[in-house]
Amino acid sequence: MWNSPEAQQWIKAVLEEMYPKLGSSKVSLMLLDQPEGSPGKVKFWVELGASIMLDKPIIVLAEHNQSIPSKLDKLADKVIRFDPDNLEASANDLQKAFKEVIEK
């Protein structure tokens, strides 16, 4: 499987695109977009793992009614719950979170 052309293309994209962007960032902003009962998105898993290995501060964004795995909740430097109907308040919360984790 890992030797397939598709897998090799994906690995190349992770190493040449995602890794440099994440490596040069001050914070990892993760949007938890996981429908209930879904195993999740591989892109999220890879970015989360890379964020941990690069020792990046992690901010998780999740809709106000979305469940968050308990380990992710403990691991994240900040968890921002947002209401899609009130994005202005969520933007203020996100701005505060960025400031807090960058100053840490």
N, C-alpha and C. Protein backbone atom coordinates (compact mmCIF):
# COMPACT_ATOMS: atom_id res chain seq x y z
N MET A 1 0.81 -1.19 0.00
CA MET A 1 0.00 0.00 0.00
C MET A 1 0.86 1.27 0.00
N TRP A 2 1.88 1.34 0.90
CA TRP A 2 2.70 2.56 0.98
C TRP A 2 3.56 2.76 -0.26
N ASN A 3 3.74 1.71 -1.05
CA ASN A 3 4.53 1.82 -2.28
C ASN A 3 3.69 2.20 -3.49
N SER A 4 2.38 2.29 -3.31
CA SER A 4 1.53 2.63 -4.45
C SER A 4 1.81 4.07 -4.88
N PRO A 5 1.61 4.38 -6.15
CA PRO A 5 1.85 5.75 -6.62
C PRO A 5 1.03 6.80 -5.86
N GLU A 6 -0.20 6.44 -5.50
CA GLU A 6 -1.05 7.39 -4.78
C GLU A 6 -0.48 7.68 -3.39
N ALA A 7 -0.05 6.63 -2.69
CA ALA A 7 0.51 6.81 -1.36
C ALA A 7 1.80 7.61 -1.44
N GLN A 8 2.63 7.34 -2.40
CA GLN A 8 3.89 8.07 -2.55
C GLN A 8 3.63 9.54 -2.87
N GLN A 9 2.61 9.81 -3.67
CA GLN A 9 2.24 11.20 -3.99
C GLN A 9 1.76 11.92 -2.73
N TRP A 10 0.97 11.23 -1.92
CA TRP A 10 0.47 11.82 -0.67
C TRP A 10 1.62 12.09 0.29
N ILE A 11 2.52 11.13 0.45
CA ILE A 11 3.67 11.31 1.33
C ILE A 11 4.51 12.50 0.87
N LYS A 12 4.71 12.61 -0.41
CA LYS A 12 5.48 13.74 -0.97
C LYS A 12 4.79 15.06 -0.64
N ALA A 13 3.48 15.12 -0.79
CA ALA A 13 2.73 16.34 -0.48
C ALA A 13 2.84 16.70 1.00
N VAL A 14 2.78 15.70 1.87
CA VAL A 14 2.92 15.95 3.31
C VAL A 14 4.29 16.54 3.60
N LEU A 15 5.33 15.94 3.05
CA LEU A 15 6.70 16.37 3.33
C LEU A 15 7.07 17.70 2.67
N GLU A 16 6.53 17.95 1.48
CA GLU A 16 6.93 19.15 0.74
C GLU A 16 5.97 20.32 0.90
N GLU A 17 4.74 20.06 1.32
CA GLU A 17 3.77 21.15 1.45
C GLU A 17 3.34 21.36 2.91
N MET A 18 2.78 20.32 3.53
CA MET A 18 2.26 20.49 4.88
C MET A 18 3.37 20.75 5.89
N TYR A 19 4.40 19.94 5.87
CA TYR A 19 5.47 20.05 6.87
C TYR A 19 6.14 21.42 6.88
N PRO A 20 6.54 21.98 5.73
CA PRO A 20 7.16 23.32 5.77
C PRO A 20 6.21 24.40 6.28
N LYS A 21 4.95 24.32 5.90
CA LYS A 21 3.97 25.32 6.37
C LYS A 21 3.79 25.22 7.88
N LEU A 22 3.61 24.01 8.36
CA LEU A 22 3.42 23.81 9.79
C LEU A 22 4.69 24.15 10.56
N GLY A 23 5.83 23.77 10.00
CA GLY A 23 7.10 24.04 10.66
C GLY A 23 7.38 25.52 10.84
N SER A 24 6.92 26.34 9.92
CA SER A 24 7.18 27.78 10.00
C SER A 24 6.08 28.54 10.75
N SER A 25 5.03 27.85 11.15
CA SER A 25 3.93 28.53 11.85
C SER A 25 4.21 28.61 13.34
N LYS A 26 3.58 29.58 13.99
CA LYS A 26 3.72 29.72 15.45
C LYS A 26 2.70 28.87 16.19
N VAL A 27 1.57 28.59 15.53
CA VAL A 27 0.45 27.89 16.16
C VAL A 27 -0.15 26.93 15.15
N SER A 28 -0.64 25.81 15.64
CA SER A 28 -1.39 24.89 14.80
C SER A 28 -2.87 25.07 15.10
N LEU A 29 -3.62 25.52 14.11
CA LEU A 29 -5.06 25.72 14.24
C LEU A 29 -5.76 24.53 13.61
N MET A 30 -6.49 23.77 14.42
CA MET A 30 -7.12 22.54 13.96
C MET A 30 -8.64 22.67 14.01
N LEU A 31 -9.28 22.52 12.87
CA LEU A 31 -10.74 22.53 12.81
C LEU A 31 -11.23 21.09 12.96
N LEU A 32 -11.92 20.81 14.05
CA LEU A 32 -12.45 19.48 14.29
C LEU A 32 -13.76 19.36 13.52
N ASP A 33 -13.67 18.76 12.38
CA ASP A 33 -14.81 18.59 11.49
C ASP A 33 -15.05 17.10 11.34
N GLN A 34 -15.59 16.50 12.38
CA GLN A 34 -15.76 15.05 12.42
C GLN A 34 -17.22 14.72 12.71
N PRO A 35 -17.94 14.30 11.69
CA PRO A 35 -19.34 13.94 11.93
C PRO A 35 -19.45 12.80 12.96
N GLU A 36 -20.48 12.84 13.77
CA GLU A 36 -20.70 11.82 14.80
C GLU A 36 -20.70 10.44 14.16
N GLY A 37 -19.97 9.52 14.76
CA GLY A 37 -19.90 8.15 14.25
C GLY A 37 -18.84 7.95 13.17
N SER A 38 -18.23 9.03 12.73
CA SER A 38 -17.19 8.95 11.69
C SER A 38 -15.84 8.71 12.36
N PRO A 39 -14.94 7.96 11.71
CA PRO A 39 -13.62 7.77 12.30
C PRO A 39 -12.76 9.03 12.23
N GLY A 40 -13.18 10.00 11.46
CA GLY A 40 -12.43 11.24 11.34
C GLY A 40 -11.75 11.36 9.99
N LYS A 41 -10.96 12.40 9.86
CA LYS A 41 -10.28 12.68 8.60
C LYS A 41 -8.78 12.47 8.78
N VAL A 42 -8.19 11.75 7.86
CA VAL A 42 -6.78 11.42 7.94
C VAL A 42 -5.92 12.69 7.93
N LYS A 43 -6.32 13.69 7.17
CA LYS A 43 -5.57 14.94 7.12
C LYS A 43 -5.47 15.55 8.53
N PHE A 44 -6.56 15.54 9.27
CA PHE A 44 -6.56 16.06 10.63
C PHE A 44 -5.59 15.26 11.50
N TRP A 45 -5.65 13.94 11.38
CA TRP A 45 -4.78 13.08 12.18
C TRP A 45 -3.31 13.36 11.90
N VAL A 46 -2.97 13.49 10.63
CA VAL A 46 -1.58 13.72 10.25
C VAL A 46 -1.12 15.09 10.74
N GLU A 47 -1.95 16.11 10.55
CA GLU A 47 -1.57 17.45 11.00
C GLU A 47 -1.46 17.52 12.52
N LEU A 48 -2.35 16.83 13.22
CA LEU A 48 -2.28 16.81 14.68
C LEU A 48 -0.99 16.12 15.15
N GLY A 49 -0.70 14.98 14.57
CA GLY A 49 0.52 14.27 14.93
C GLY A 49 1.76 15.09 14.63
N ALA A 50 1.80 15.74 13.48
CA ALA A 50 2.94 16.58 13.13
C ALA A 50 3.04 17.77 14.08
N SER A 51 1.91 18.34 14.46
CA SER A 51 1.91 19.46 15.41
C SER A 51 2.50 19.04 16.75
N ILE A 52 2.16 17.85 17.19
CA ILE A 52 2.71 17.33 18.44
C ILE A 52 4.21 17.12 18.30
N MET A 53 4.63 16.49 17.23
CA MET A 53 6.05 16.20 17.04
C MET A 53 6.88 17.46 16.86
N LEU A 54 6.27 18.52 16.31
CA LEU A 54 6.97 19.80 16.15
C LEU A 54 6.82 20.69 17.37
N ASP A 55 6.14 20.20 18.39
CA ASP A 55 5.93 20.92 19.65
C ASP A 55 5.25 22.27 19.43
N LYS A 56 4.26 22.29 18.55
CA LYS A 56 3.50 23.51 18.27
C LYS A 56 2.36 23.67 19.25
N PRO A 57 2.06 24.90 19.65
CA PRO A 57 0.83 25.11 20.41
C PRO A 57 -0.36 24.73 19.50
N ILE A 58 -1.35 24.10 20.09
CA ILE A 58 -2.49 23.61 19.31
C ILE A 58 -3.78 24.27 19.79
N ILE A 59 -4.46 24.90 18.86
CA ILE A 59 -5.80 25.45 19.11
C ILE A 59 -6.78 24.62 18.30
N VAL A 60 -7.77 24.08 18.99
CA VAL A 60 -8.80 23.27 18.32
C VAL A 60 -10.08 24.09 18.24
N LEU A 61 -10.64 24.15 17.05
CA LEU A 61 -11.94 24.79 16.82
C LEU A 61 -12.98 23.69 16.64
N ALA A 62 -14.08 23.80 17.38
CA ALA A 62 -15.15 22.82 17.26
C ALA A 62 -16.49 23.52 17.43
N GLU A 63 -17.46 23.07 16.67
CA GLU A 63 -18.81 23.63 16.84
C GLU A 63 -19.27 23.38 18.28
N HIS A 64 -20.10 24.28 18.78
CA HIS A 64 -20.51 24.26 20.19
C HIS A 64 -21.15 22.95 20.63
N ASN A 65 -21.75 22.21 19.72
CA ASN A 65 -22.43 20.97 20.10
C ASN A 65 -21.66 19.71 19.70
N GLN A 66 -20.45 19.89 19.22
CA GLN A 66 -19.66 18.75 18.75
C GLN A 66 -18.88 18.13 19.91
N SER A 67 -18.86 16.80 19.95
CA SER A 67 -18.09 16.14 21.01
C SER A 67 -16.60 16.15 20.63
N ILE A 68 -15.78 16.30 21.65
CA ILE A 68 -14.33 16.33 21.46
C ILE A 68 -13.76 15.15 22.24
N PRO A 69 -12.93 14.34 21.59
CA PRO A 69 -12.30 13.23 22.33
C PRO A 69 -11.55 13.78 23.55
N SER A 70 -11.66 13.10 24.67
CA SER A 70 -11.10 13.61 25.92
C SER A 70 -9.59 13.82 25.85
N LYS A 71 -8.87 12.96 25.16
CA LYS A 71 -7.42 13.14 25.05
C LYS A 71 -7.09 14.37 24.23
N LEU A 72 -7.86 14.63 23.19
CA LEU A 72 -7.63 15.83 22.37
C LEU A 72 -7.92 17.08 23.20
N ASP A 73 -8.97 17.02 24.00
CA ASP A 73 -9.32 18.15 24.86
C ASP A 73 -8.19 18.46 25.85
N LYS A 74 -7.57 17.43 26.39
CA LYS A 74 -6.46 17.60 27.33
C LYS A 74 -5.19 18.07 26.63
N LEU A 75 -4.98 17.59 25.43
CA LEU A 75 -3.76 17.88 24.68
C LEU A 75 -3.73 19.32 24.14
N ALA A 76 -4.86 19.81 23.71
CA ALA A 76 -4.92 21.13 23.08
C ALA A 76 -4.57 22.22 24.09
N ASP A 77 -3.84 23.22 23.60
CA ASP A 77 -3.53 24.37 24.44
C ASP A 77 -4.79 25.18 24.69
N LYS A 78 -5.65 25.24 23.70
CA LYS A 78 -6.95 25.93 23.80
C LYS A 78 -7.96 25.19 22.94
N VAL A 79 -9.18 25.13 23.44
CA VAL A 79 -10.30 24.61 22.65
C VAL A 79 -11.30 25.74 22.54
N ILE A 80 -11.63 26.11 21.33
CA ILE A 80 -12.61 27.16 21.08
C ILE A 80 -13.87 26.52 20.52
N ARG A 81 -14.93 26.69 21.25
CA ARG A 81 -16.24 26.23 20.77
C ARG A 81 -16.89 27.40 20.06
N PHE A 82 -17.35 27.16 18.85
CA PHE A 82 -17.97 28.25 18.12
C PHE A 82 -19.40 27.94 17.73
N ASP A 83 -20.16 29.00 17.63
CA ASP A 83 -21.55 28.93 17.19
C ASP A 83 -21.57 29.45 15.76
N PRO A 84 -21.91 28.61 14.79
CA PRO A 84 -21.93 29.06 13.40
C PRO A 84 -22.86 30.24 13.16
N ASP A 85 -23.82 30.45 14.07
CA ASP A 85 -24.74 31.57 13.94
C ASP A 85 -24.23 32.84 14.61
N ASN A 86 -23.08 32.75 15.28
CA ASN A 86 -22.50 33.92 15.95
C ASN A 86 -20.98 33.89 15.77
N LEU A 87 -20.55 34.02 14.53
CA LEU A 87 -19.13 33.92 14.23
C LEU A 87 -18.32 35.10 14.74
N GLU A 88 -18.97 36.23 14.94
CA GLU A 88 -18.24 37.40 15.45
C GLU A 88 -17.69 37.13 16.85
N ALA A 89 -18.51 36.57 17.72
CA ALA A 89 -18.05 36.24 19.07
C ALA A 89 -16.96 35.18 19.01
N SER A 90 -17.11 34.22 18.13
CA SER A 90 -16.11 33.17 17.98
C SER A 90 -14.79 33.73 17.48
N ALA A 91 -14.85 34.71 16.59
CA ALA A 91 -13.62 35.34 16.09
C ALA A 91 -12.88 36.04 17.21
N ASN A 92 -13.62 36.68 18.12
CA ASN A 92 -12.99 37.32 19.28
C ASN A 92 -12.34 36.29 20.19
N ASP A 93 -13.01 35.16 20.42
CA ASP A 93 -12.45 34.09 21.24
C ASP A 93 -11.18 33.54 20.60
N LEU A 94 -11.20 33.38 19.30
CA LEU A 94 -10.05 32.85 18.58
C LEU A 94 -8.87 33.82 18.65
N GLN A 95 -9.15 35.09 18.50
CA GLN A 95 -8.11 36.10 18.59
C GLN A 95 -7.43 36.08 19.96
N LYS A 96 -8.24 35.97 21.02
CA LYS A 96 -7.71 35.90 22.38
C LYS A 96 -6.86 34.64 22.56
N ALA A 97 -7.34 33.53 22.02
CA ALA A 97 -6.61 32.26 22.15
C ALA A 97 -5.25 32.35 21.46
N PHE A 98 -5.20 32.92 20.26
CA PHE A 98 -3.93 33.09 19.55
C PHE A 98 -2.97 33.90 20.41
N LYS A 99 -3.45 35.00 20.94
CA LYS A 99 -2.60 35.85 21.74
C LYS A 99 -2.06 35.09 22.95
N GLU A 100 -2.92 34.36 23.64
CA GLU A 100 -2.51 33.62 24.84
C GLU A 100 -1.46 32.57 24.54
N VAL A 101 -1.68 31.76 23.49
CA VAL A 101 -0.73 30.67 23.23
C VAL A 101 0.59 31.19 22.66
N ILE A 102 0.54 32.29 21.93
CA ILE A 102 1.79 32.84 21.38
C ILE A 102 2.62 33.47 22.49
N GLU A 103 1.96 34.10 23.46
CA GLU A 103 2.68 34.75 24.56
C GLU A 103 3.21 33.75 25.58
N LYS A 104 2.69 32.54 25.57
CA LYS A 104 3.07 31.50 26.53
C LYS A 104 4.54 31.12 26.39
